[in-house]
Structures are given as C-alpha cells and as structure tokens.
Amino acid sequence: MQLIVNETESQLSVTVAESRIDAAIATRFKDRMKEIVGRGRKPVVMDMHRVDFMDSSGLGAMIAVRKALPETFPLILDGLTPNVERVFRLTRMDSVFQIRPAPTPQE
C-alpha cells in the first residue's frame, strides 16, 4: 500500500496512491494512517483522487483515522472521485469529514 506523505509547518498532506480502499487493505491503511497522524499532530489533508472504490471496511478505516486525530484538527478529504464521494454522502459521513470536491477537467 502506498501513501505519500509531505509535511509542512501547518499540516500533513497524504496522497493515497491506491485505486481501492477495501477489505483487502483497510487494516493496513488504518494502521499506517494512524501512525502518520499520531506523530504529526497537525491537520491532515488527504488527496484521494486516485481512489476509485471504497467499501464499508475502507469507510471504517477512515473513521478510525479521524478518531485518532484531536477534534480540533480536521481531516480534509481532497479530490474524491464520484464513487467514493457517494459512499460518504449516503452514509452521512460528509458531515464528519471536510470534503473538497475534485477539480473539474479543463476543456
């Protein structure tokens, strides 16, 4: 599983370089992300534009990562694909996470 981490003074940026967050990788994803956010103690921006599919295991892992952060630090999800965004909206988790829309393609 690939996570690309960049840290600045004000935030952690994590790019998820996987096409799926599902039962096959959810536990590894959760454990690795909890390790990353635990040491940074900063707001986290997660670039998810490469993730095309997320199941309930993946959503559970995301919730666990959110709970690992102090309430004052947001977990911002950036660039969700339509399929993944739908999972967050249908489960009303869009009220728990800050979601930034994917950029629209330039014509």
C-alpha atoms as a PDB file:
ATOM      1  CA  MET A   1       0.000   0.000   0.000  1.00  0.00           C
ATOM      2  CA  GLN A   2       1.371   3.377  -0.992  1.00  0.00           C
ATOM      3  CA  LEU A   3       0.883   6.578   0.964  1.00  0.00           C
ATOM      4  CA  ILE A   4       2.944   9.615   0.012  1.00  0.00           C
ATOM      5  CA  VAL A   5       3.441  11.975   2.957  1.00  0.00           C
ATOM      6  CA  ASN A   6       4.526  15.603   2.806  1.00  0.00           C
ATOM      7  CA  GLU A   7       4.737  17.682   5.955  1.00  0.00           C
ATOM      8  CA  THR A   8       4.741  21.447   6.308  1.00  0.00           C
ATOM      9  CA  GLU A   9       4.682  23.574   9.434  1.00  0.00           C
ATOM     10  CA  SER A  10       0.905  23.806   9.321  1.00  0.00           C
ATOM     11  CA  GLN A  11      -0.320  20.444   8.001  1.00  0.00           C
ATOM     12  CA  LEU A  12       0.314  16.909   6.849  1.00  0.00           C
ATOM     13  CA  SER A  13      -0.514  16.095   3.237  1.00  0.00           C
ATOM     14  CA  VAL A  14      -1.090  12.443   2.429  1.00  0.00           C
ATOM     15  CA  THR A  15      -1.629  11.195  -1.101  1.00  0.00           C
ATOM     16  CA  VAL A  16      -3.313   7.802  -1.290  1.00  0.00           C
ATOM     17  CA  ALA A  17      -1.664   6.087  -4.264  1.00  0.00           C
ATOM     18  CA  GLU A  18      -4.111   3.182  -4.395  1.00  0.00           C
ATOM     19  CA  SER A  19      -7.178   2.657  -6.551  1.00  0.00           C
ATOM     20  CA  ARG A  20      -9.154   0.904  -3.819  1.00  0.00           C
ATOM     21  CA  ILE A  21      -9.580   1.149  -0.060  1.00  0.00           C
ATOM     22  CA  ASP A  22     -11.428  -2.061   0.697  1.00  0.00           C
ATOM     23  CA  ALA A  23     -11.349  -5.084   2.997  1.00  0.00           C
ATOM     24  CA  ALA A  24      -8.089  -6.284   1.441  1.00  0.00           C
ATOM     25  CA  ILE A  25      -6.099  -3.248   2.620  1.00  0.00           C
ATOM     26  CA  ALA A  26      -8.329  -1.456   5.153  1.00  0.00           C
ATOM     27  CA  THR A  27      -6.471  -2.663   8.253  1.00  0.00           C
ATOM     28  CA  ARG A  28      -3.032  -1.809   6.843  1.00  0.00           C
ATOM     29  CA  PHE A  29      -4.348   1.553   5.642  1.00  0.00           C
ATOM     30  CA  LYS A  30      -5.822   2.355   9.070  1.00  0.00           C
ATOM     31  CA  ASP A  31      -2.696   1.305  10.973  1.00  0.00           C
ATOM     32  CA  ARG A  32      -0.341   3.239   8.691  1.00  0.00           C
ATOM     33  CA  MET A  33      -2.512   6.361   8.694  1.00  0.00           C
ATOM     34  CA  LYS A  34      -2.878   6.286  12.491  1.00  0.00           C
ATOM     35  CA  GLU A  35       0.903   6.102  12.723  1.00  0.00           C
ATOM     36  CA  ILE A  36       1.282   9.070  10.353  1.00  0.00           C
ATOM     37  CA  VAL A  37      -1.313  11.318  12.006  1.00  0.00           C
ATOM     38  CA  GLY A  38      -0.207  10.329  15.512  1.00  0.00           C
ATOM     39  CA  ARG A  39       3.299  11.619  15.096  1.00  0.00           C
ATOM     40  CA  GLY A  40       2.379  14.760  13.167  1.00  0.00           C
ATOM     41  CA  ARG A  41      -0.258  16.241  15.478  1.00  0.00           C
ATOM     42  CA  LYS A  42      -1.399  18.594  12.720  1.00  0.00           C
ATOM     43  CA  PRO A  43      -4.408  18.957  10.437  1.00  0.00           C
ATOM     44  CA  VAL A  44      -4.353  16.353   7.670  1.00  0.00           C
ATOM     45  CA  VAL A  45      -5.224  16.862   4.003  1.00  0.00           C
ATOM     46  CA  MET A  46      -5.707  13.537   2.233  1.00  0.00           C
ATOM     47  CA  ASP A  47      -5.509  13.562  -1.570  1.00  0.00           C
ATOM     48  CA  MET A  48      -7.814  10.762  -2.708  1.00  0.00           C
ATOM     49  CA  HIS A  49      -8.092  11.471  -6.437  1.00  0.00           C
ATOM     50  CA  ARG A  50      -6.623   8.042  -7.300  1.00  0.00           C
ATOM     51  CA  VAL A  51      -9.119   6.092  -5.179  1.00  0.00           C
ATOM     52  CA  ASP A  52     -11.927   4.776  -7.391  1.00  0.00           C
ATOM     53  CA  PHE A  53     -13.563   2.406  -4.901  1.00  0.00           C
ATOM     54  CA  MET A  54     -14.179   2.306  -1.161  1.00  0.00           C
ATOM     55  CA  ASP A  55     -16.254  -0.266   0.697  1.00  0.00           C
ATOM     56  CA  SER A  56     -17.542  -0.300   4.269  1.00  0.00           C
ATOM     57  CA  SER A  57     -14.196  -1.603   5.557  1.00  0.00           C
ATOM     58  CA  GLY A  58     -12.455   1.341   3.957  1.00  0.00           C
ATOM     59  CA  LEU A  59     -15.002   3.743   5.419  1.00  0.00           C
ATOM     60  CA  GLY A  60     -14.473   2.199   8.854  1.00  0.00           C
ATOM     61  CA  ALA A  61     -10.726   2.693   8.470  1.00  0.00           C
ATOM     62  CA  MET A  62     -11.266   6.354   7.571  1.00  0.00           C
ATOM     63  CA  ILE A  63     -13.429   6.831  10.673  1.00  0.00           C
ATOM     64  CA  ALA A  64     -10.728   5.244  12.846  1.00  0.00           C
ATOM     65  CA  VAL A  65      -8.153   7.633  11.376  1.00  0.00           C
ATOM     66  CA  ARG A  66     -10.457  10.591  12.080  1.00  0.00           C
ATOM     67  CA  LYS A  67     -10.864   9.454  15.692  1.00  0.00           C
ATOM     68  CA  ALA A  68      -7.063   9.244  16.040  1.00  0.00           C
ATOM     69  CA  LEU A  69      -6.821  12.996  15.434  1.00  0.00           C
ATOM     70  CA  PRO A  70      -7.672  15.545  18.113  1.00  0.00           C
ATOM     71  CA  GLU A  71     -11.111  17.075  17.482  1.00  0.00           C
ATOM     72  CA  THR A  72      -9.510  20.447  16.791  1.00  0.00           C
ATOM     73  CA  PHE A  73      -7.516  19.075  13.835  1.00  0.00           C
ATOM     74  CA  PRO A  74      -9.536  18.429  10.694  1.00  0.00           C
ATOM     75  CA  LEU A  75      -9.122  15.515   8.328  1.00  0.00           C
ATOM     76  CA  ILE A  76      -9.767  17.077   4.937  1.00  0.00           C
ATOM     77  CA  LEU A  77     -10.528  14.740   2.036  1.00  0.00           C
ATOM     78  CA  ASP A  78      -9.458  16.248  -1.239  1.00  0.00           C
ATOM     79  CA  GLY A  79     -10.362  15.181  -4.768  1.00  0.00           C
ATOM     80  CA  LEU A  80     -12.856  12.406  -4.079  1.00  0.00           C
ATOM     81  CA  THR A  81     -13.972  10.512  -7.155  1.00  0.00           C
ATOM     82  CA  PRO A  82     -17.766  10.352  -7.645  1.00  0.00           C
ATOM     83  CA  ASN A  83     -17.991   6.724  -6.448  1.00  0.00           C
ATOM     84  CA  VAL A  84     -16.085   7.415  -3.250  1.00  0.00           C
ATOM     85  CA  GLU A  85     -17.888  10.684  -2.591  1.00  0.00           C
ATOM     86  CA  ARG A  86     -21.196   8.813  -2.908  1.00  0.00           C
ATOM     87  CA  VAL A  87     -20.135   6.447  -0.086  1.00  0.00           C
ATOM     88  CA  PHE A  88     -19.531   9.427   2.209  1.00  0.00           C
ATOM     89  CA  ARG A  89     -22.791  11.148   1.285  1.00  0.00           C
ATOM     90  CA  LEU A  90     -25.003   8.042   1.536  1.00  0.00           C
ATOM     91  CA  THR A  91     -23.633   7.231   4.992  1.00  0.00           C
ATOM     92  CA  ARG A  92     -23.781  10.907   6.012  1.00  0.00           C
ATOM     93  CA  MET A  93     -20.085  10.836   6.791  1.00  0.00           C
ATOM     94  CA  ASP A  94     -19.777  14.008   4.740  1.00  0.00           C
ATOM     95  CA  SER A  95     -20.848  15.748   7.961  1.00  0.00           C
ATOM     96  CA  VAL A  96     -17.917  14.198   9.865  1.00  0.00           C
ATOM     97  CA  PHE A  97     -15.183  14.845   7.303  1.00  0.00           C
ATOM     98  CA  GLN A  98     -14.354  18.038   5.476  1.00  0.00           C
ATOM     99  CA  ILE A  99     -14.661  17.183   1.787  1.00  0.00           C
ATOM    100  CA  ARG A 100     -13.221  19.279  -1.001  1.00  0.00           C
ATOM    101  CA  PRO A 101     -14.579  18.494  -4.450  1.00  0.00           C
ATOM    102  CA  ALA A 102     -12.370  17.128  -7.201  1.00  0.00           C
ATOM    103  CA  PRO A 103     -11.344  19.774  -9.713  1.00  0.00           C
ATOM    104  CA  THR A 104     -13.400  19.776 -12.872  1.00  0.00           C
ATOM    105  CA  PRO A 105     -11.488  18.820 -16.016  1.00  0.00           C
ATOM    106  CA  GLN A 106     -10.367  21.747 -18.130  1.00  0.00           C
ATOM    107  CA  GLU A 107     -11.742  21.798 -21.651  1.00  0.00           C
END
